[in-house]
Amino acid sequence: MKTRPLLDEIPDTIGRLKQQARDNELLLLRSNLLSSRDKALMQMVFDKGGTFEQIARLTGQSASTVSRRFHTVLNKLLTRELTALLRGRAEFDSLEIRIARAYYLEGLSQKAIIQKLGVSRYRVRNTLGTLRHVIYCNVVEKAAGEQKSA
């Protein structure tokens, strides 16, 4: 059985580390969209290298609670919907961005968004419909681009 010499593995390892660094930087940039509590959690893990146990001691929560919250926030930051919305964010005004943040990142219901932002039910429904359309168009556009390159 042949094994690759250690030197042959170095370029692969460097490539993986560079990709991981780019991914971490992207997550930190996206974390600016989060609530201050969730943003602090992400920064403590990515910037400071804190463990869930350390963060749990600081916050008075259990490590499993901190871990679940971290993974929930991480999954929200990596969703296809958020990626599509970030690509099209120049098309939205500040209220539409606040509605998108409340719905897609905070997970609020339409009713809760109405109460939090003090806007009409029509405005929330209309904005969410527009956001879904932008997401759909970006997903279809990306799929078409992938088919062309294949």
C-alpha atoms as a PDB file:
ATOM      1  CA  MET A   1       0.000   0.000   0.000  1.00  0.00           C
ATOM      2  CA  LYS A   2       1.455   3.323  -1.084  1.00  0.00           C
ATOM      3  CA  THR A   3       1.109   6.366   1.122  1.00  0.00           C
ATOM      4  CA  ARG A   4       1.676   9.911  -0.003  1.00  0.00           C
ATOM      5  CA  PRO A   5       4.723  11.539   1.457  1.00  0.00           C
ATOM      6  CA  LEU A   6       3.982  14.199   4.038  1.00  0.00           C
ATOM      7  CA  LEU A   7       5.253  16.958   1.741  1.00  0.00           C
ATOM      8  CA  ASP A   8       2.602  16.131  -0.883  1.00  0.00           C
ATOM      9  CA  GLU A   9      -0.136  16.794   1.677  1.00  0.00           C
ATOM     10  CA  ILE A  10       1.009  20.335   2.497  1.00  0.00           C
ATOM     11  CA  PRO A  11      -0.692  22.095  -0.490  1.00  0.00           C
ATOM     12  CA  ASP A  12      -4.011  20.360   0.328  1.00  0.00           C
ATOM     13  CA  THR A  13      -3.757  21.393   3.970  1.00  0.00           C
ATOM     14  CA  ILE A  14      -2.899  24.989   3.076  1.00  0.00           C
ATOM     15  CA  GLY A  15      -5.841  25.120   0.656  1.00  0.00           C
ATOM     16  CA  ARG A  16      -8.239  23.839   3.315  1.00  0.00           C
ATOM     17  CA  LEU A  17      -6.925  26.349   5.869  1.00  0.00           C
ATOM     18  CA  LYS A  18      -7.296  29.239   3.419  1.00  0.00           C
ATOM     19  CA  GLN A  19     -10.869  28.186   2.627  1.00  0.00           C
ATOM     20  CA  GLN A  20     -11.671  27.892   6.325  1.00  0.00           C
ATOM     21  CA  ALA A  21     -10.269  31.389   6.925  1.00  0.00           C
ATOM     22  CA  ARG A  22     -12.423  32.793   4.084  1.00  0.00           C
ATOM     23  CA  ASP A  23     -15.493  31.035   5.488  1.00  0.00           C
ATOM     24  CA  ASN A  24     -14.818  32.413   8.982  1.00  0.00           C
ATOM     25  CA  GLU A  25     -14.386  35.929   7.596  1.00  0.00           C
ATOM     26  CA  LEU A  26     -17.664  35.631   5.666  1.00  0.00           C
ATOM     27  CA  LEU A  27     -19.477  34.474   8.791  1.00  0.00           C
ATOM     28  CA  LEU A  28     -18.076  37.354  10.801  1.00  0.00           C
ATOM     29  CA  LEU A  29     -19.191  39.844   8.137  1.00  0.00           C
ATOM     30  CA  ARG A  30     -22.649  38.334   8.121  1.00  0.00           C
ATOM     31  CA  SER A  31     -22.756  38.375  11.904  1.00  0.00           C
ATOM     32  CA  ASN A  32     -23.179  42.159  11.694  1.00  0.00           C
ATOM     33  CA  LEU A  33     -26.797  41.412  10.770  1.00  0.00           C
ATOM     34  CA  LEU A  34     -27.434  39.600  14.050  1.00  0.00           C
ATOM     35  CA  SER A  35     -28.767  40.828  17.352  1.00  0.00           C
ATOM     36  CA  SER A  36     -26.088  42.059  19.739  1.00  0.00           C
ATOM     37  CA  ARG A  37     -26.371  38.875  21.841  1.00  0.00           C
ATOM     38  CA  ASP A  38     -25.922  36.534  18.869  1.00  0.00           C
ATOM     39  CA  LYS A  39     -23.207  38.735  17.390  1.00  0.00           C
ATOM     40  CA  ALA A  40     -21.269  38.596  20.675  1.00  0.00           C
ATOM     41  CA  LEU A  41     -21.586  34.803  20.709  1.00  0.00           C
ATOM     42  CA  MET A  42     -20.196  34.488  17.187  1.00  0.00           C
ATOM     43  CA  GLN A  43     -17.333  36.878  17.952  1.00  0.00           C
ATOM     44  CA  MET A  44     -16.448  35.023  21.144  1.00  0.00           C
ATOM     45  CA  VAL A  45     -16.175  31.772  19.203  1.00  0.00           C
ATOM     46  CA  PHE A  46     -14.517  32.996  15.987  1.00  0.00           C
ATOM     47  CA  ASP A  47     -12.443  35.994  17.127  1.00  0.00           C
ATOM     48  CA  LYS A  48     -11.485  34.937  20.619  1.00  0.00           C
ATOM     49  CA  GLY A  49     -11.507  31.167  20.114  1.00  0.00           C
ATOM     50  CA  GLY A  50     -13.748  30.672  23.122  1.00  0.00           C
ATOM     51  CA  THR A  51     -15.147  27.237  23.887  1.00  0.00           C
ATOM     52  CA  PHE A  52     -18.787  26.610  24.654  1.00  0.00           C
ATOM     53  CA  GLU A  53     -17.831  25.761  28.235  1.00  0.00           C
ATOM     54  CA  GLN A  54     -16.018  29.096  28.702  1.00  0.00           C
ATOM     55  CA  ILE A  55     -18.904  31.058  27.232  1.00  0.00           C
ATOM     56  CA  ALA A  56     -21.367  29.096  29.393  1.00  0.00           C
ATOM     57  CA  ARG A  57     -19.448  30.057  32.538  1.00  0.00           C
ATOM     58  CA  LEU A  58     -19.499  33.736  31.492  1.00  0.00           C
ATOM     59  CA  THR A  59     -23.213  33.763  30.681  1.00  0.00           C
ATOM     60  CA  GLY A  60     -24.473  31.461  33.423  1.00  0.00           C
ATOM     61  CA  GLN A  61     -25.978  29.047  30.889  1.00  0.00           C
ATOM     62  CA  SER A  62     -25.192  25.422  30.270  1.00  0.00           C
ATOM     63  CA  ALA A  63     -22.642  24.541  27.591  1.00  0.00           C
ATOM     64  CA  SER A  64     -25.292  22.630  25.647  1.00  0.00           C
ATOM     65  CA  THR A  65     -27.522  25.729  25.537  1.00  0.00           C
ATOM     66  CA  VAL A  66     -24.637  27.836  24.230  1.00  0.00           C
ATOM     67  CA  SER A  67     -23.774  25.139  21.674  1.00  0.00           C
ATOM     68  CA  ARG A  68     -27.370  24.895  20.423  1.00  0.00           C
ATOM     69  CA  ARG A  69     -27.644  28.673  20.115  1.00  0.00           C
ATOM     70  CA  PHE A  70     -24.340  28.875  18.249  1.00  0.00           C
ATOM     71  CA  HIS A  71     -25.337  26.179  15.753  1.00  0.00           C
ATOM     72  CA  THR A  72     -28.797  27.715  15.255  1.00  0.00           C
ATOM     73  CA  VAL A  73     -27.245  31.106  14.484  1.00  0.00           C
ATOM     74  CA  LEU A  74     -24.578  29.520  12.294  1.00  0.00           C
ATOM     75  CA  ASN A  75     -27.201  27.689  10.232  1.00  0.00           C
ATOM     76  CA  LYS A  76     -29.174  30.913   9.795  1.00  0.00           C
ATOM     77  CA  LEU A  77     -26.065  32.697   8.536  1.00  0.00           C
ATOM     78  CA  LEU A  78     -25.400  29.963   5.988  1.00  0.00           C
ATOM     79  CA  THR A  79     -28.903  29.650   4.543  1.00  0.00           C
ATOM     80  CA  ARG A  80     -29.488  30.004   0.848  1.00  0.00           C
ATOM     81  CA  GLU A  81     -32.156  32.623   1.588  1.00  0.00           C
ATOM     82  CA  LEU A  82     -29.768  34.926   3.407  1.00  0.00           C
ATOM     83  CA  THR A  83     -27.163  34.577   0.668  1.00  0.00           C
ATOM     84  CA  ALA A  84     -29.737  35.543  -1.957  1.00  0.00           C
ATOM     85  CA  LEU A  85     -30.978  38.486   0.089  1.00  0.00           C
ATOM     86  CA  LEU A  86     -27.463  39.779   0.643  1.00  0.00           C
ATOM     87  CA  ARG A  87     -26.817  39.682  -3.092  1.00  0.00           C
ATOM     88  CA  GLY A  88     -29.925  41.784  -3.731  1.00  0.00           C
ATOM     89  CA  ARG A  89     -29.752  44.044  -0.672  1.00  0.00           C
ATOM     90  CA  ALA A  90     -29.191  47.198  -2.755  1.00  0.00           C
ATOM     91  CA  GLU A  91     -32.787  46.855  -3.963  1.00  0.00           C
ATOM     92  CA  PHE A  92     -34.265  47.177  -0.442  1.00  0.00           C
ATOM     93  CA  ASP A  93     -34.956  50.172   1.765  1.00  0.00           C
ATOM     94  CA  SER A  94     -34.111  50.181   5.475  1.00  0.00           C
ATOM     95  CA  LEU A  95     -37.571  48.998   6.577  1.00  0.00           C
ATOM     96  CA  GLU A  96     -37.476  46.067   4.174  1.00  0.00           C
ATOM     97  CA  ILE A  97     -34.052  45.101   5.515  1.00  0.00           C
ATOM     98  CA  ARG A  98     -35.356  45.270   9.099  1.00  0.00           C
ATOM     99  CA  ILE A  99     -38.315  43.058   8.128  1.00  0.00           C
ATOM    100  CA  ALA A 100     -35.955  40.587   6.423  1.00  0.00           C
ATOM    101  CA  ARG A 101     -33.672  40.512   9.466  1.00  0.00           C
ATOM    102  CA  ALA A 102     -36.607  39.945  11.825  1.00  0.00           C
ATOM    103  CA  TYR A 103     -38.085  37.160   9.692  1.00  0.00           C
ATOM    104  CA  TYR A 104     -35.019  35.287   8.419  1.00  0.00           C
ATOM    105  CA  LEU A 105     -32.486  35.824  11.217  1.00  0.00           C
ATOM    106  CA  GLU A 106     -34.568  36.335  14.333  1.00  0.00           C
ATOM    107  CA  GLY A 107     -37.247  33.874  13.233  1.00  0.00           C
ATOM    108  CA  LEU A 108     -40.108  36.201  14.174  1.00  0.00           C
ATOM    109  CA  SER A 109     -43.630  35.575  12.916  1.00  0.00           C
ATOM    110  CA  GLN A 110     -45.414  38.160  10.809  1.00  0.00           C
ATOM    111  CA  LYS A 111     -47.507  39.147  13.812  1.00  0.00           C
ATOM    112  CA  ALA A 112     -44.410  39.637  15.964  1.00  0.00           C
ATOM    113  CA  ILE A 113     -42.776  41.730  13.219  1.00  0.00           C
ATOM    114  CA  ILE A 114     -45.867  43.936  13.028  1.00  0.00           C
ATOM    115  CA  GLN A 115     -45.721  44.516  16.772  1.00  0.00           C
ATOM    116  CA  LYS A 116     -41.953  45.004  16.916  1.00  0.00           C
ATOM    117  CA  LEU A 117     -41.653  47.396  13.972  1.00  0.00           C
ATOM    118  CA  GLY A 118     -45.056  49.069  14.224  1.00  0.00           C
ATOM    119  CA  VAL A 119     -45.934  48.512  10.572  1.00  0.00           C
ATOM    120  CA  SER A 120     -49.097  47.289   8.907  1.00  0.00           C
ATOM    121  CA  ARG A 121     -49.833  43.658   8.173  1.00  0.00           C
ATOM    122  CA  TYR A 122     -50.050  44.574   4.488  1.00  0.00           C
ATOM    123  CA  ARG A 123     -46.519  46.056   4.510  1.00  0.00           C
ATOM    124  CA  VAL A 124     -45.038  42.970   6.187  1.00  0.00           C
ATOM    125  CA  ARG A 125     -46.820  40.511   3.855  1.00  0.00           C
ATOM    126  CA  ASN A 126     -45.958  42.568   0.792  1.00  0.00           C
ATOM    127  CA  THR A 127     -42.300  42.894   1.796  1.00  0.00           C
ATOM    128  CA  LEU A 128     -41.975  39.171   2.564  1.00  0.00           C
ATOM    129  CA  GLY A 129     -43.503  38.402  -0.832  1.00  0.00           C
ATOM    130  CA  THR A 130     -40.929  40.652  -2.504  1.00  0.00           C
ATOM    131  CA  LEU A 131     -38.124  39.038  -0.511  1.00  0.00           C
ATOM    132  CA  ARG A 132     -39.280  35.544  -1.498  1.00  0.00           C
ATOM    133  CA  HIS A 133     -39.349  36.628  -5.142  1.00  0.00           C
ATOM    134  CA  VAL A 134     -35.768  37.937  -4.923  1.00  0.00           C
ATOM    135  CA  ILE A 135     -34.675  34.700  -3.247  1.00  0.00           C
ATOM    136  CA  TYR A 136     -36.396  32.599  -5.915  1.00  0.00           C
ATOM    137  CA  CYS A 137     -34.854  34.619  -8.762  1.00  0.00           C
ATOM    138  CA  ASN A 138     -31.360  34.333  -7.256  1.00  0.00           C
ATOM    139  CA  VAL A 139     -31.716  30.586  -6.721  1.00  0.00           C
ATOM    140  CA  VAL A 140     -32.993  30.035 -10.272  1.00  0.00           C
ATOM    141  CA  GLU A 141     -30.219  32.268 -11.674  1.00  0.00           C
ATOM    142  CA  LYS A 142     -27.571  30.363  -9.740  1.00  0.00           C
ATOM    143  CA  ALA A 143     -28.958  26.984 -10.847  1.00  0.00           C
ATOM    144  CA  ALA A 144     -28.946  28.128 -14.484  1.00  0.00           C
ATOM    145  CA  GLY A 145     -25.322  29.260 -14.130  1.00  0.00           C
ATOM    146  CA  GLU A 146     -24.334  25.904 -12.645  1.00  0.00           C
ATOM    147  CA  GLN A 147     -26.012  24.033 -15.519  1.00  0.00           C
ATOM    148  CA  LYS A 148     -24.121  26.135 -18.088  1.00  0.00           C
ATOM    149  CA  SER A 149     -20.785  25.406 -16.435  1.00  0.00           C
ATOM    150  CA  ALA A 150     -21.487  21.646 -16.216  1.00  0.00           C
END
